[in-house]
Amino acid sequence: MTAPKKINLALQGGGAHGAFTWGVLDWFLEDSRFSIDAISGTSAGAMNAVVLASGMEAGGEDGARAQLEAFWREVSRQAQLSPIQRTPLDMILGQWSLDHSPSYLFFDVVSRFASPYEFNPLNVNPLRDILDGLVDFDLVHRCSGVKLFIAATNVYTGKIRVFREKEVSLDAVMASACLPQLFQAVEIDGEPYWDGGYMGNPPLYPLFYETDTPDVVLIQINPIERREVPKTAREILNRVNEITFNSTLLRELRAIEFVTRLIEDGKLSGDDYMKVHMHRISAGELKPLQASSKLNAEWAFLTNLRDIGRQTAKDWLARHYDDIGNRSTLQIRDEIT
């Protein structure tokens, strides 16, 4: 029997759109041809990562799949209590956007003039309670099969901090997902942290500095390129956020391309430097979704994204299974020029 191919996974953040990543992970865990060596994650990607690691340590691949489903189901259940819901018209039209929700519009305006220290002084965050109830961080720390790298941004220094397996805690995951417009900074060891997406969405460098697996599969849910000019204030803000959260990713891809070119030209030794094989799984179905849909946690929406993720991963692997371990399938030069 052929040994499973080892891969590293890089999981982007993106709120409810992280359910697409859930679907991709579900397919990889179901497919016995692969072994996940390490996961780098930010925000929703960090949550998917720790939920997977906890489930994996408790019950292998099947345990990880069950734990991921339990997490997203609980997210959906808690969201039913939120005042921010789709309008009846959006439901009739089958639109997942919250752009017409009066509660969403009110909250959107308030968040531009008041900080979370003012409109949420008790720092209530249902996601914290969900993770605290579902994830056994002792199991995460003992998970020897999958290395974890969780990113957050240090508010004082503006630098990235990457939490590794033994350092990964409930606070670390919440820091990785701490959007400063919505939540108070998370303090760890006397230092405040915001969302890791500002400095790494997700960070790639730990995957080739701290593992010997050359294949990195980026699960991308935030598009790098859009071929239309945003016109409304909300569209402009969304595009600014996409550009900001993808900027560090593009810098890392540029560095990977540079080192790869030097190795191929014989200017660097392949014995001293690992040639990284970059891959990407993304779905065109995510691109038209409005930014507000990242707050839509209806079960029908989450399972739709999951199913898109599963099918996208299945189709991608049918095309590129033989490439894993041999070559990159992401043309980095096209992404950075």
Protein backbone atom coordinates (compact mmCIF):
# COMPACT_ATOMS: atom_id res chain seq x y z
CA MET A 1 0.00 0.00 0.00
CA THR A 2 1.32 3.45 -0.95
CA ALA A 3 2.20 5.63 2.04
CA PRO A 4 0.03 8.77 2.42
CA LYS A 5 1.51 11.91 0.92
CA LYS A 6 2.45 14.54 3.49
CA ILE A 7 1.09 18.06 3.09
CA ASN A 8 1.04 21.29 5.05
CA LEU A 9 -2.10 23.40 5.14
CA ALA A 10 -2.35 27.21 5.28
CA LEU A 11 -5.83 28.36 6.33
CA GLN A 12 -7.03 31.91 5.75
CA GLY A 13 -9.48 33.75 7.96
CA GLY A 14 -12.82 35.05 6.70
CA GLY A 15 -15.59 34.70 9.28
CA ALA A 16 -18.44 32.41 8.22
CA HIS A 17 -16.70 31.84 4.89
CA GLY A 18 -14.37 29.62 6.93
CA ALA A 19 -17.06 26.96 6.46
CA PHE A 20 -15.63 26.57 2.94
CA THR A 21 -12.34 25.61 4.61
CA TRP A 22 -14.28 23.17 6.80
CA GLY A 23 -15.45 21.43 3.64
CA VAL A 24 -11.93 21.25 2.20
CA LEU A 25 -10.60 19.83 5.46
CA ASP A 26 -13.46 17.35 5.62
CA TRP A 27 -12.52 15.99 2.20
CA PHE A 28 -8.80 15.79 3.01
CA LEU A 29 -9.58 13.94 6.24
CA GLU A 30 -11.84 11.54 4.37
CA ASP A 31 -9.23 10.87 1.66
CA SER A 32 -6.77 8.32 3.04
CA ARG A 33 -4.08 9.26 0.50
CA PHE A 34 -2.92 12.24 2.56
CA SER A 35 -1.32 12.99 5.90
CA ILE A 36 -1.46 16.51 7.35
CA ASP A 37 1.94 17.39 8.78
CA ALA A 38 1.28 20.96 9.91
CA ILE A 39 -1.39 23.67 9.80
CA SER A 40 -0.90 27.42 9.82
CA GLY A 41 -4.08 29.35 10.52
CA THR A 42 -5.45 32.81 11.18
CA SER A 43 -8.83 33.86 12.59
CA ALA A 44 -11.46 31.39 11.29
CA GLY A 45 -8.53 29.36 9.94
CA ALA A 46 -7.08 29.19 13.45
CA MET A 47 -10.41 27.98 14.82
CA ASN A 48 -10.66 25.27 12.17
CA ALA A 49 -7.08 24.26 12.99
CA VAL A 50 -7.50 23.83 16.75
CA VAL A 51 -10.86 22.09 16.38
CA LEU A 52 -9.27 19.65 13.91
CA ALA A 53 -6.25 19.05 16.18
CA SER A 54 -8.42 18.40 19.23
CA GLY A 55 -10.65 16.00 17.33
CA MET A 56 -7.69 14.29 15.69
CA GLU A 57 -6.01 13.57 19.00
CA ALA A 58 -9.26 12.25 20.50
CA GLY A 59 -10.47 10.13 17.58
CA GLY A 60 -8.23 10.28 14.52
CA GLU A 61 -9.54 11.53 11.17
CA ASP A 62 -13.14 10.59 11.96
CA GLY A 63 -12.89 12.38 15.29
CA ALA A 64 -11.56 15.50 13.58
CA ARG A 65 -14.40 15.47 11.04
CA ALA A 66 -17.01 15.06 13.77
CA GLN A 67 -15.47 17.84 15.85
CA LEU A 68 -15.42 20.26 12.91
CA GLU A 69 -19.09 19.62 12.21
CA ALA A 70 -19.95 20.06 15.89
CA PHE A 71 -18.11 23.38 15.96
CA TRP A 72 -19.84 24.86 12.93
CA ARG A 73 -23.22 23.53 14.06
CA GLU A 74 -22.80 25.26 17.41
CA VAL A 75 -21.74 28.49 15.67
CA SER A 76 -24.99 28.32 13.70
CA ARG A 77 -27.06 27.56 16.79
CA GLN A 78 -25.62 30.54 18.67
CA ALA A 79 -26.18 32.79 15.66
CA GLN A 80 -29.91 32.16 15.88
CA LEU A 81 -29.90 34.33 19.00
CA SER A 82 -28.29 37.27 17.18
CA PRO A 83 -30.44 40.24 16.14
CA ILE A 84 -28.46 40.42 12.89
CA GLN A 85 -30.38 38.23 10.45
CA ARG A 86 -31.24 38.18 6.76
CA THR A 87 -34.39 40.00 5.72
CA PRO A 88 -37.39 38.00 4.45
CA LEU A 89 -36.79 39.44 0.97
CA ASP A 90 -33.19 38.21 0.96
CA MET A 91 -34.41 34.78 2.01
CA ILE A 92 -36.98 34.69 -0.80
CA LEU A 93 -34.36 35.79 -3.34
CA GLY A 94 -31.82 33.28 -1.99
CA GLN A 95 -29.26 35.99 -1.17
CA TRP A 96 -26.89 35.26 1.71
CA SER A 97 -25.98 38.94 2.22
CA LEU A 98 -26.90 40.86 5.37
CA ASP A 99 -26.58 44.22 3.61
CA HIS A 100 -30.32 44.95 3.96
CA SER A 101 -30.65 43.80 7.56
CA PRO A 102 -31.65 46.82 9.74
CA SER A 103 -29.70 45.38 12.70
CA TYR A 104 -26.59 44.85 10.57
CA LEU A 105 -26.80 48.38 9.15
CA PHE A 106 -27.23 49.85 12.64
CA PHE A 107 -24.27 47.87 14.00
CA ASP A 108 -22.16 48.80 10.97
CA VAL A 109 -22.74 52.50 11.63
CA VAL A 110 -22.16 52.21 15.38
CA SER A 111 -18.85 50.36 14.91
CA ARG A 112 -17.51 53.28 12.87
CA PHE A 113 -18.10 55.79 15.68
CA ALA A 114 -17.75 53.72 18.85
CA SER A 115 -15.12 51.19 19.90
CA PRO A 116 -15.84 47.74 21.36
CA TYR A 117 -14.70 49.15 24.70
CA GLU A 118 -17.76 51.41 24.50
CA PHE A 119 -20.51 49.34 22.83
CA ASN A 120 -19.37 46.00 24.33
CA PRO A 121 -17.83 46.89 27.70
CA LEU A 122 -18.28 43.34 29.04
CA ASN A 123 -16.37 42.00 26.01
CA VAL A 124 -19.01 39.38 25.22
CA ASN A 125 -17.91 37.01 22.45
CA PRO A 126 -20.04 33.88 21.82
CA LEU A 127 -17.23 32.29 19.82
CA ARG A 128 -15.09 32.17 22.95
CA ASP A 129 -17.75 30.18 24.78
CA ILE A 130 -18.17 27.83 21.81
CA LEU A 131 -14.45 27.06 21.61
CA ASP A 132 -14.16 26.75 25.39
CA GLY A 133 -16.95 24.18 25.40
CA LEU A 134 -15.79 22.15 22.40
CA VAL A 135 -11.99 22.25 22.27
CA ASP A 136 -9.86 20.42 24.81
CA PHE A 137 -6.62 22.39 24.65
CA ASP A 138 -4.79 19.68 26.61
CA LEU A 139 -5.52 17.42 23.63
CA VAL A 140 -4.29 20.15 21.27
CA HIS A 141 -1.02 20.33 23.20
CA ARG A 142 -0.63 16.54 23.04
CA CYS A 143 -1.48 16.33 19.32
CA SER A 144 1.78 14.93 17.99
CA GLY A 145 0.40 14.15 14.54
CA VAL A 146 -0.23 17.75 13.45
CA LYS A 147 1.97 20.79 14.16
CA LEU A 148 0.04 24.02 14.73
CA PHE A 149 0.99 27.61 13.98
CA ILE A 150 -1.59 30.23 15.01
CA ALA A 151 -1.00 33.89 14.09
CA ALA A 152 -1.92 37.08 15.94
CA THR A 153 -0.76 40.70 15.64
CA ASN A 154 0.94 42.40 18.59
CA VAL A 155 -0.80 45.77 19.07
CA TYR A 156 2.26 47.36 20.72
CA THR A 157 4.86 46.35 18.14
CA GLY A 158 2.78 45.75 15.02
CA LYS A 159 4.67 42.46 14.59
CA ILE A 160 3.33 38.98 14.05
CA ARG A 161 3.35 36.42 16.84
CA VAL A 162 3.02 32.77 15.93
CA PHE A 163 1.74 30.51 18.70
CA ARG A 164 2.95 26.91 18.40
CA GLU A 165 1.35 23.71 19.75
CA LYS A 166 2.24 24.07 23.45
CA GLU A 167 1.49 27.82 23.36
CA VAL A 168 -1.89 27.51 21.67
CA SER A 169 -4.61 28.44 24.14
CA LEU A 170 -8.15 29.74 24.07
CA ASP A 171 -6.74 33.27 24.38
CA ALA A 172 -4.32 32.70 21.49
CA VAL A 173 -7.12 31.59 19.17
CA MET A 174 -9.33 34.50 20.21
CA ALA A 175 -6.42 36.88 19.64
CA SER A 176 -5.98 35.47 16.15
CA ALA A 177 -9.64 36.32 15.42
CA CYS A 178 -9.79 39.67 17.22
CA LEU A 179 -11.02 42.29 14.76
CA PRO A 180 -10.41 45.57 16.63
CA GLN A 181 -13.62 47.15 15.35
CA LEU A 182 -15.64 44.37 16.99
CA PHE A 183 -13.70 43.06 19.99
CA GLN A 184 -11.38 44.33 22.69
CA ALA A 185 -7.73 43.38 22.30
CA VAL A 186 -6.83 40.01 23.83
CA GLU A 187 -4.07 40.25 26.42
CA ILE A 188 -1.53 37.41 26.62
CA ASP A 189 1.51 37.64 28.93
CA GLY A 190 0.89 41.35 29.35
CA GLU A 191 0.80 42.06 25.59
CA PRO A 192 -2.36 43.02 23.64
CA TYR A 193 -3.17 41.24 20.37
CA TRP A 194 -5.45 41.81 17.39
CA ASP A 195 -6.40 39.67 14.41
CA GLY A 196 -3.49 37.80 12.87
CA GLY A 197 -4.68 38.69 9.38
CA TYR A 198 -2.96 42.06 9.55
CA MET A 199 0.48 40.44 9.57
CA GLY A 200 -0.15 36.95 8.16
CA ASN A 201 -3.31 35.59 6.57
CA PRO A 202 -2.02 32.99 7.10
CA PRO A 203 1.75 32.97 7.79
CA LEU A 204 3.59 30.57 5.50
CA TYR A 205 7.15 30.75 6.82
CA PRO A 206 6.67 28.38 9.81
CA LEU A 207 5.60 25.66 7.39
CA PHE A 208 8.96 25.56 5.62
CA TYR A 209 11.20 26.71 8.50
CA GLU A 210 9.86 24.20 11.03
CA THR A 211 8.78 21.19 8.96
CA ASP A 212 10.45 19.04 6.32
CA THR A 213 7.32 18.82 4.16
CA PRO A 214 7.74 20.88 0.95
CA ASP A 215 4.08 20.87 -0.17
CA VAL A 216 1.99 23.76 1.15
CA VAL A 217 -1.70 23.87 0.26
CA LEU A 218 -3.15 27.35 0.71
CA ILE A 219 -6.91 27.29 1.29
CA GLN A 220 -7.83 30.77 0.13
CA ILE A 221 -11.17 32.41 0.87
CA ASN A 222 -10.19 36.05 0.33
CA PRO A 223 -9.69 36.89 -3.36
CA ILE A 224 -6.48 38.66 -4.32
CA GLU A 225 -7.82 40.11 -7.54
CA ARG A 226 -11.13 41.74 -8.45
CA ARG A 227 -11.76 43.17 -11.90
CA GLU A 228 -14.22 45.88 -10.92
CA VAL A 229 -13.86 49.23 -9.18
CA PRO A 230 -15.75 49.38 -5.85
CA LYS A 231 -18.19 52.28 -5.85
CA THR A 232 -20.12 52.23 -2.57
CA ALA A 233 -18.54 53.01 0.80
CA ARG A 234 -19.08 49.43 1.92
CA GLU A 235 -17.54 48.00 -1.25
CA ILE A 236 -14.51 50.28 -0.88
CA LEU A 237 -13.99 49.25 2.75
CA ASN A 238 -14.32 45.58 1.85
CA ARG A 239 -11.73 45.89 -0.92
CA VAL A 240 -9.33 47.79 1.36
CA ASN A 241 -9.64 44.97 3.91
CA GLU A 242 -9.00 42.32 1.25
CA ILE A 243 -5.89 44.13 0.02
CA THR A 244 -4.62 44.65 3.57
CA PHE A 245 -5.20 41.05 4.63
CA ASN A 246 -3.57 39.65 1.47
CA SER A 247 -0.52 41.94 1.47
CA THR A 248 1.65 39.82 3.78
CA LEU A 249 0.64 36.67 1.91
CA LEU A 250 1.83 38.20 -1.36
CA ARG A 251 5.14 39.21 0.24
CA GLU A 252 5.71 35.66 1.42
CA LEU A 253 4.82 34.25 -2.00
CA ARG A 254 7.32 36.66 -3.55
CA ALA A 255 10.03 35.39 -1.17
CA ILE A 256 9.18 31.76 -2.00
CA GLU A 257 9.37 32.49 -5.73
CA PHE A 258 12.74 34.23 -5.29
CA VAL A 259 14.31 31.35 -3.35
CA THR A 260 12.85 28.78 -5.77
CA ARG A 261 14.35 30.64 -8.72
CA LEU A 262 17.78 30.75 -7.04
CA ILE A 263 17.65 27.01 -6.36
CA GLU A 264 16.62 26.24 -9.94
CA ASP A 265 19.41 28.49 -11.27
CA GLY A 266 21.96 26.68 -9.09
CA LYS A 267 22.74 29.77 -7.03
CA LEU A 268 21.45 28.17 -3.85
CA SER A 269 21.94 24.58 -2.76
CA GLY A 270 18.85 22.40 -2.65
CA ASP A 271 20.54 20.61 0.25
CA ASP A 272 20.57 23.76 2.38
CA TYR A 273 17.29 25.30 1.24
CA MET A 274 13.97 23.53 0.77
CA LYS A 275 12.22 24.03 -2.54
CA VAL A 276 8.63 24.77 -1.56
CA HIS A 277 5.81 23.40 -3.69
CA MET A 278 2.92 25.88 -3.43
CA HIS A 279 -0.65 24.88 -4.17
CA ARG A 280 -3.95 26.73 -3.79
CA ILE A 281 -7.55 25.64 -3.32
CA SER A 282 -10.12 28.39 -3.84
CA ALA A 283 -13.63 28.64 -5.23
CA GLY A 284 -15.12 31.14 -7.64
CA GLU A 285 -18.44 30.79 -5.80
CA LEU A 286 -17.01 32.80 -2.87
CA LYS A 287 -16.04 35.84 -4.92
CA PRO A 288 -19.54 37.29 -5.50
CA LEU A 289 -20.49 36.97 -1.83
CA GLN A 290 -20.85 40.29 -0.02
CA ALA A 291 -18.57 41.00 2.93
CA SER A 292 -21.60 41.06 5.25
CA SER A 293 -22.18 37.37 4.53
CA LYS A 294 -19.10 36.65 6.64
CA LEU A 295 -21.41 37.29 9.60
CA ASN A 296 -24.15 35.02 8.29
CA ALA A 297 -23.98 31.78 10.25
CA GLU A 298 -27.25 30.19 9.13
CA TRP A 299 -26.87 26.43 8.94
CA ALA A 300 -28.07 26.33 5.32
CA PHE A 301 -25.36 28.85 4.34
CA LEU A 302 -22.60 27.10 6.29
CA THR A 303 -23.43 23.67 4.86
CA ASN A 304 -23.63 25.16 1.38
CA LEU A 305 -20.11 26.54 1.82
CA ARG A 306 -18.98 23.21 3.26
CA ASP A 307 -20.33 21.35 0.24
CA ILE A 308 -18.61 23.80 -2.12
CA GLY A 309 -15.38 23.22 -0.20
CA ARG A 310 -15.67 19.45 -0.38
CA GLN A 311 -16.38 19.47 -4.11
CA THR A 312 -13.63 21.98 -4.83
CA ALA A 313 -11.09 19.90 -2.91
CA LYS A 314 -12.24 16.72 -4.65
CA ASP A 315 -11.93 18.31 -8.10
CA TRP A 316 -8.55 19.87 -7.27
CA LEU A 317 -7.11 16.58 -6.07
CA ALA A 318 -8.37 14.76 -9.15
CA ARG A 319 -6.30 17.18 -11.23
CA HIS A 320 -3.25 17.57 -9.03
CA TYR A 321 -2.72 14.47 -6.90
CA ASP A 322 0.34 13.46 -8.93
CA ASP A 323 1.81 16.96 -8.60
CA ILE A 324 1.95 16.77 -4.81
CA GLY A 325 5.51 15.92 -3.83
CA ASN A 326 6.85 16.82 -7.27
CA ARG A 327 6.03 20.39 -8.31
CA SER A 328 4.06 23.54 -7.54
CA THR A 329 0.62 23.98 -9.06
CA LEU A 330 0.30 27.64 -8.05
CA GLN A 331 2.05 29.89 -10.58
CA ILE A 332 3.44 32.34 -8.05
CA ARG A 333 4.95 34.67 -10.63
CA ASP A 334 1.49 35.32 -12.04
CA GLU A 335 0.25 36.23 -8.57
CA ILE A 336 2.99 38.73 -7.73
CA THR A 337 3.38 40.55 -11.06
